[in-house]
């Protein structure tokens, strides 16, 4: 917990310094809400974009995002790429899953919080309209340790319930190579006033738990992938 507070303090100081001294019109403070039938998430984020090219309509940037993802009656399956597909690196994008390597942790209820640095790709269509893809890159997760039902098709001798906590740290690598809990958005944004906008699109969240002990195939990491509809609002105090 101490490391989490230190990280939050350092990142908050960086954000405040950037906003105070650069006062860029390409900043945004976002609040997002996402949901599907059984899972929900909300996030609070700040981002800073930098234009490329003559017209600077295409912009790349960075940010920081706090996300809270929660749901009920959800399965988390074997996470490491070396087990899910027998590959690591970019090879996971082109390999098939190995079903016999998949085990499951089932949670009656779960909640995972995360604070991550994020990467942003943005294109300004007109002065009021933008499209954007953003994704978490590195950070930490937190949440309480809890019991989950462990299911495997093998006679492994492990108990039917296991204790697990949110995996931390988080790291964007590629598909199943990823570690921890990572949030991403694909969305369109409309600035209905100079400093205010609304946005809508899709959220795709990886959430991950680590069990207290190694289970079948020496695995202790289990992942849930959730696609949700998303709406939100953005504020930029420096936009005119």
Protein backbone atom coordinates (compact mmCIF):
# COMPACT_ATOMS: atom_id res chain seq x y z
CA UNK A 1 0.00 0.00 0.00
CA UNK A 2 2.88 2.37 0.78
CA UNK A 3 4.27 1.84 -2.74
CA UNK A 4 0.85 2.61 -4.20
CA UNK A 5 0.60 5.93 -2.35
CA UNK A 6 4.13 6.88 -3.42
CA UNK A 7 3.29 6.09 -7.05
CA UNK A 8 0.06 8.09 -6.89
CA UNK A 9 1.87 11.05 -5.32
CA UNK A 10 4.64 11.03 -7.94
CA UNK A 11 2.23 10.73 -10.86
CA UNK A 12 -0.11 13.39 -9.46
CA UNK A 13 2.80 15.81 -9.06
CA UNK A 14 3.85 15.15 -12.66
CA UNK A 15 0.33 15.77 -13.95
CA UNK A 16 -0.12 18.98 -11.97
CA UNK A 17 3.24 20.31 -13.13
CA UNK A 18 2.40 19.59 -16.76
CA UNK A 19 -1.03 21.23 -16.51
CA UNK A 20 0.26 24.23 -14.60
CA UNK A 21 3.24 25.16 -16.77
CA UNK A 22 2.31 23.97 -20.25
CA UNK A 23 -1.41 24.89 -20.17
CA UNK A 24 -1.89 22.98 -23.38
CA UNK A 25 -5.26 23.00 -25.21
CA UNK A 26 -4.60 19.31 -25.99
CA UNK A 27 -5.26 18.09 -22.46
CA UNK A 28 -8.37 16.40 -21.10
CA UNK A 29 -9.69 15.20 -17.76
CA UNK A 30 -12.06 12.29 -18.42
CA UNK A 31 -14.68 10.45 -16.41
CA UNK A 32 -15.92 7.22 -18.02
CA UNK A 33 -18.60 4.66 -17.15
CA UNK A 34 -18.68 1.21 -18.78
CA UNK A 35 -21.04 -1.73 -18.48
CA UNK A 36 -22.25 -5.02 -19.94
CA UNK A 37 -24.80 -7.44 -18.49
CA UNK A 38 -22.77 -8.56 -15.46
CA UNK A 39 -19.69 -6.31 -15.26
CA UNK A 40 -19.17 -2.61 -14.71
CA UNK A 41 -16.27 -0.17 -14.59
CA UNK A 42 -15.57 3.48 -14.07
CA UNK A 43 -12.37 5.39 -14.66
CA UNK A 44 -10.92 8.83 -14.03
CA UNK A 45 -8.08 9.84 -16.32
CA UNK A 46 -5.95 12.72 -17.49
CA UNK A 47 -4.21 12.84 -20.89
CA UNK A 48 -1.92 15.18 -22.81
CA UNK A 49 -1.70 14.97 -26.61
CA UNK A 50 0.95 16.24 -29.04
CA UNK A 51 0.07 17.01 -32.67
CA UNK A 52 2.01 15.60 -35.62
CA UNK A 53 2.28 16.91 -39.17
CA UNK A 54 1.41 20.26 -40.66
CA UNK A 55 -2.24 20.35 -39.57
CA UNK A 56 -1.59 18.39 -36.36
CA UNK A 57 -4.87 16.53 -36.72
CA UNK A 58 -3.19 13.25 -35.76
CA UNK A 59 -1.99 13.35 -32.18
CA UNK A 60 -0.20 10.96 -29.84
CA UNK A 61 0.05 11.35 -26.12
CA UNK A 62 0.31 9.97 -22.64
CA UNK A 63 -1.76 10.02 -19.50
CA UNK A 64 -2.64 8.47 -16.19
CA UNK A 65 -5.82 6.52 -15.43
CA UNK A 66 -7.49 5.17 -12.33
CA UNK A 67 -9.92 2.33 -13.12
CA UNK A 68 -12.26 0.28 -10.94
CA UNK A 69 -13.64 -2.87 -12.52
CA UNK A 70 -16.20 -5.05 -10.71
CA UNK A 71 -18.76 -7.73 -11.44
CA UNK A 72 -20.57 -10.84 -10.26
CA UNK A 73 -20.48 -14.53 -11.21
CA UNK A 74 -17.37 -14.16 -13.38
CA UNK A 75 -14.78 -16.70 -14.52
CA UNK A 76 -11.08 -15.96 -14.64
CA UNK A 77 -9.10 -18.41 -16.78
CA UNK A 78 -5.43 -19.37 -17.03
CA UNK A 79 -3.53 -16.22 -18.02
CA UNK A 80 0.14 -16.79 -19.04
CA UNK A 81 0.68 -16.90 -22.81
CA UNK A 82 3.11 -19.82 -22.52
CA UNK A 83 0.20 -21.90 -21.20
CA UNK A 84 -2.73 -20.51 -23.19
CA UNK A 85 -1.05 -20.87 -26.60
CA UNK A 86 2.41 -22.34 -26.01
CA UNK A 87 3.92 -19.14 -27.41
CA UNK A 88 5.36 -15.90 -26.09
CA UNK A 89 6.16 -12.63 -27.83
CA UNK A 90 4.30 -11.66 -30.99
CA UNK A 91 3.70 -15.33 -31.75
CA UNK A 92 0.64 -15.30 -29.49
CA UNK A 93 -1.22 -13.22 -32.10
CA UNK A 94 -1.07 -16.05 -34.62
CA UNK A 95 -1.29 -19.15 -32.45
CA UNK A 96 -4.28 -21.23 -31.40
CA UNK A 97 -5.31 -21.76 -27.80
CA UNK A 98 -4.53 -25.02 -25.99
CA UNK A 99 -7.85 -25.84 -24.25
CA UNK A 100 -6.39 -28.59 -22.04
CA UNK A 101 -4.16 -26.01 -20.33
CA UNK A 102 -7.06 -23.83 -19.20
CA UNK A 103 -8.27 -23.88 -15.61
CA UNK A 104 -10.81 -21.51 -14.05
CA UNK A 105 -11.24 -19.37 -10.97
CA UNK A 106 -14.89 -18.41 -10.45
CA UNK A 107 -15.76 -15.39 -8.29
CA UNK A 108 -19.22 -14.72 -6.88
CA UNK A 109 -18.17 -11.05 -6.78
CA UNK A 110 -14.91 -9.34 -7.62
CA UNK A 111 -13.48 -5.82 -7.68
CA UNK A 112 -10.11 -4.73 -9.05
CA UNK A 113 -8.70 -1.22 -8.86
CA UNK A 114 -5.73 -0.03 -10.90
CA UNK A 115 -3.61 3.05 -11.54
CA UNK A 116 -1.77 2.97 -14.87
CA UNK A 117 0.16 5.21 -17.23
CA UNK A 118 -1.61 5.21 -20.60
CA UNK A 119 -0.84 5.67 -24.31
CA UNK A 120 -3.21 7.71 -26.52
CA UNK A 121 -3.71 7.83 -30.32
CA UNK A 122 -6.12 10.55 -31.39
CA UNK A 123 -7.38 11.96 -34.70
CA UNK A 124 -9.25 15.26 -34.92
CA UNK A 125 -11.88 14.99 -37.68
CA UNK A 126 -13.20 18.54 -37.26
CA UNK A 127 -12.81 21.19 -34.60
CA UNK A 128 -15.52 19.55 -32.48
CA UNK A 129 -15.09 15.86 -33.36
CA UNK A 130 -12.32 13.40 -32.47
CA UNK A 131 -11.77 9.66 -32.52
CA UNK A 132 -9.33 8.01 -30.13
CA UNK A 133 -7.81 4.74 -29.04
CA UNK A 134 -6.06 4.62 -25.69
CA UNK A 135 -4.57 1.79 -23.64
CA UNK A 136 -2.91 1.33 -20.27
CA UNK A 137 0.82 0.56 -20.38
CA UNK A 138 2.23 0.11 -16.87
CA UNK A 139 1.06 0.54 -13.31
CA UNK A 140 -0.25 -1.19 -10.21
CA UNK A 141 -3.45 -2.99 -9.17
CA UNK A 142 -5.08 -3.38 -5.79
CA UNK A 143 -8.05 -5.06 -4.14
CA UNK A 144 -8.89 -7.45 -1.34
CA UNK A 145 -7.85 -11.08 -1.14
CA UNK A 146 -10.84 -13.39 -1.49
CA UNK A 147 -11.93 -16.96 -2.07
CA UNK A 148 -12.75 -18.30 -5.52
CA UNK A 149 -13.93 -21.66 -6.78
CA UNK A 150 -11.15 -23.51 -8.58
CA UNK A 151 -12.19 -25.73 -11.48
CA UNK A 152 -9.96 -28.05 -13.48
CA UNK A 153 -10.62 -31.05 -15.68
CA UNK A 154 -7.57 -32.83 -14.26
CA UNK A 155 -7.22 -34.86 -11.10
CA UNK A 156 -4.65 -32.49 -9.60
CA UNK A 157 -5.41 -32.88 -5.91
CA UNK A 158 -5.76 -29.14 -5.37
CA UNK A 159 -8.62 -27.85 -3.26
CA UNK A 160 -11.91 -26.69 -4.76
CA UNK A 161 -11.46 -23.18 -3.34
CA UNK A 162 -8.41 -20.94 -3.54
CA UNK A 163 -7.41 -17.56 -2.13
CA UNK A 164 -6.48 -14.95 -4.72
CA UNK A 165 -5.55 -11.24 -4.90
CA UNK A 166 -5.37 -8.80 -7.84
CA UNK A 167 -2.13 -9.23 -9.77
CA UNK A 168 0.37 -6.39 -9.51
CA UNK A 169 2.32 -4.79 -11.15
CA UNK A 170 0.58 -4.31 -14.52
CA UNK A 171 2.47 -4.38 -17.82
CA UNK A 172 1.34 -4.09 -21.45
CA UNK A 173 3.28 -6.59 -23.56
CA UNK A 174 1.00 -8.06 -26.29
CA UNK A 175 -2.28 -9.95 -25.95
CA UNK A 176 -1.89 -12.86 -23.48
CA UNK A 177 1.67 -11.73 -22.72
CA UNK A 178 0.11 -8.85 -20.76
CA UNK A 179 0.41 -8.93 -16.99
CA UNK A 180 -2.12 -7.59 -14.50
CA UNK A 181 -5.14 -5.36 -15.07
CA UNK A 182 -5.21 -3.04 -18.09
CA UNK A 183 -7.94 -0.79 -19.48
CA UNK A 184 -8.40 0.41 -23.08
CA UNK A 185 -10.96 2.54 -24.93
CA UNK A 186 -12.02 3.02 -28.53
CA UNK A 187 -14.28 6.05 -28.71
CA UNK A 188 -15.56 9.19 -30.42
CA UNK A 189 -15.58 12.56 -28.63
CA UNK A 190 -17.70 15.65 -29.34
CA UNK A 191 -16.83 19.06 -27.87
CA UNK A 192 -20.26 20.65 -27.33
CA UNK A 193 -18.62 23.60 -25.57
CA UNK A 194 -15.02 24.83 -25.82
CA UNK A 195 -14.04 23.19 -22.54
CA UNK A 196 -16.56 20.34 -22.30
CA UNK A 197 -17.19 17.23 -24.38
CA UNK A 198 -19.06 13.95 -24.29
CA UNK A 199 -17.69 10.64 -25.51
CA UNK A 200 -19.01 7.17 -26.32
CA UNK A 201 -17.54 3.91 -27.51
CA UNK A 202 -16.24 0.63 -26.12
CA UNK A 203 -14.06 -0.36 -23.17
CA UNK A 204 -11.97 -3.53 -23.19
CA UNK A 205 -10.52 -4.49 -19.80
CA UNK A 206 -8.12 -7.23 -18.78
CA UNK A 207 -8.48 -8.04 -15.05
CA UNK A 208 -6.18 -10.51 -13.34
CA UNK A 209 -5.90 -12.38 -10.03
CA UNK A 210 -2.95 -14.30 -8.57
CA UNK A 211 -3.58 -17.26 -6.28
CA UNK A 212 -1.71 -17.74 -3.02
CA UNK A 213 -0.11 -20.92 -4.31
CA UNK A 214 0.91 -22.48 -7.60
CA UNK A 215 -1.77 -24.74 -9.11
CA UNK A 216 -1.89 -27.00 -12.17
CA UNK A 217 1.09 -26.52 -14.51
CA UNK A 218 2.69 -24.30 -11.84
CA UNK A 219 0.23 -21.54 -12.74
CA UNK A 220 -1.01 -18.92 -10.29
CA UNK A 221 -2.37 -16.21 -12.66
CA UNK A 222 -5.96 -16.05 -13.93
CA UNK A 223 -7.47 -13.47 -16.29
CA UNK A 224 -10.89 -12.12 -17.24
CA UNK A 225 -11.45 -10.18 -20.48
CA UNK A 226 -14.47 -7.87 -20.59
CA UNK A 227 -15.90 -5.86 -23.48
CA UNK A 228 -18.30 -3.12 -22.37
CA UNK A 229 -20.18 -0.17 -23.80
CA UNK A 230 -18.79 3.14 -22.57
CA UNK A 231 -20.00 6.71 -22.12
CA UNK A 232 -18.19 9.60 -20.53
CA UNK A 233 -17.49 13.30 -20.22
CA UNK A 234 -14.28 15.29 -20.70
CA UNK A 235 -13.08 18.66 -19.42
CA UNK A 236 -10.16 20.83 -20.59
CA UNK A 237 -9.69 24.11 -18.73
CA UNK A 238 -7.20 25.40 -21.34
CA UNK A 239 -9.23 24.77 -24.50
CA UNK A 240 -10.69 27.85 -26.24
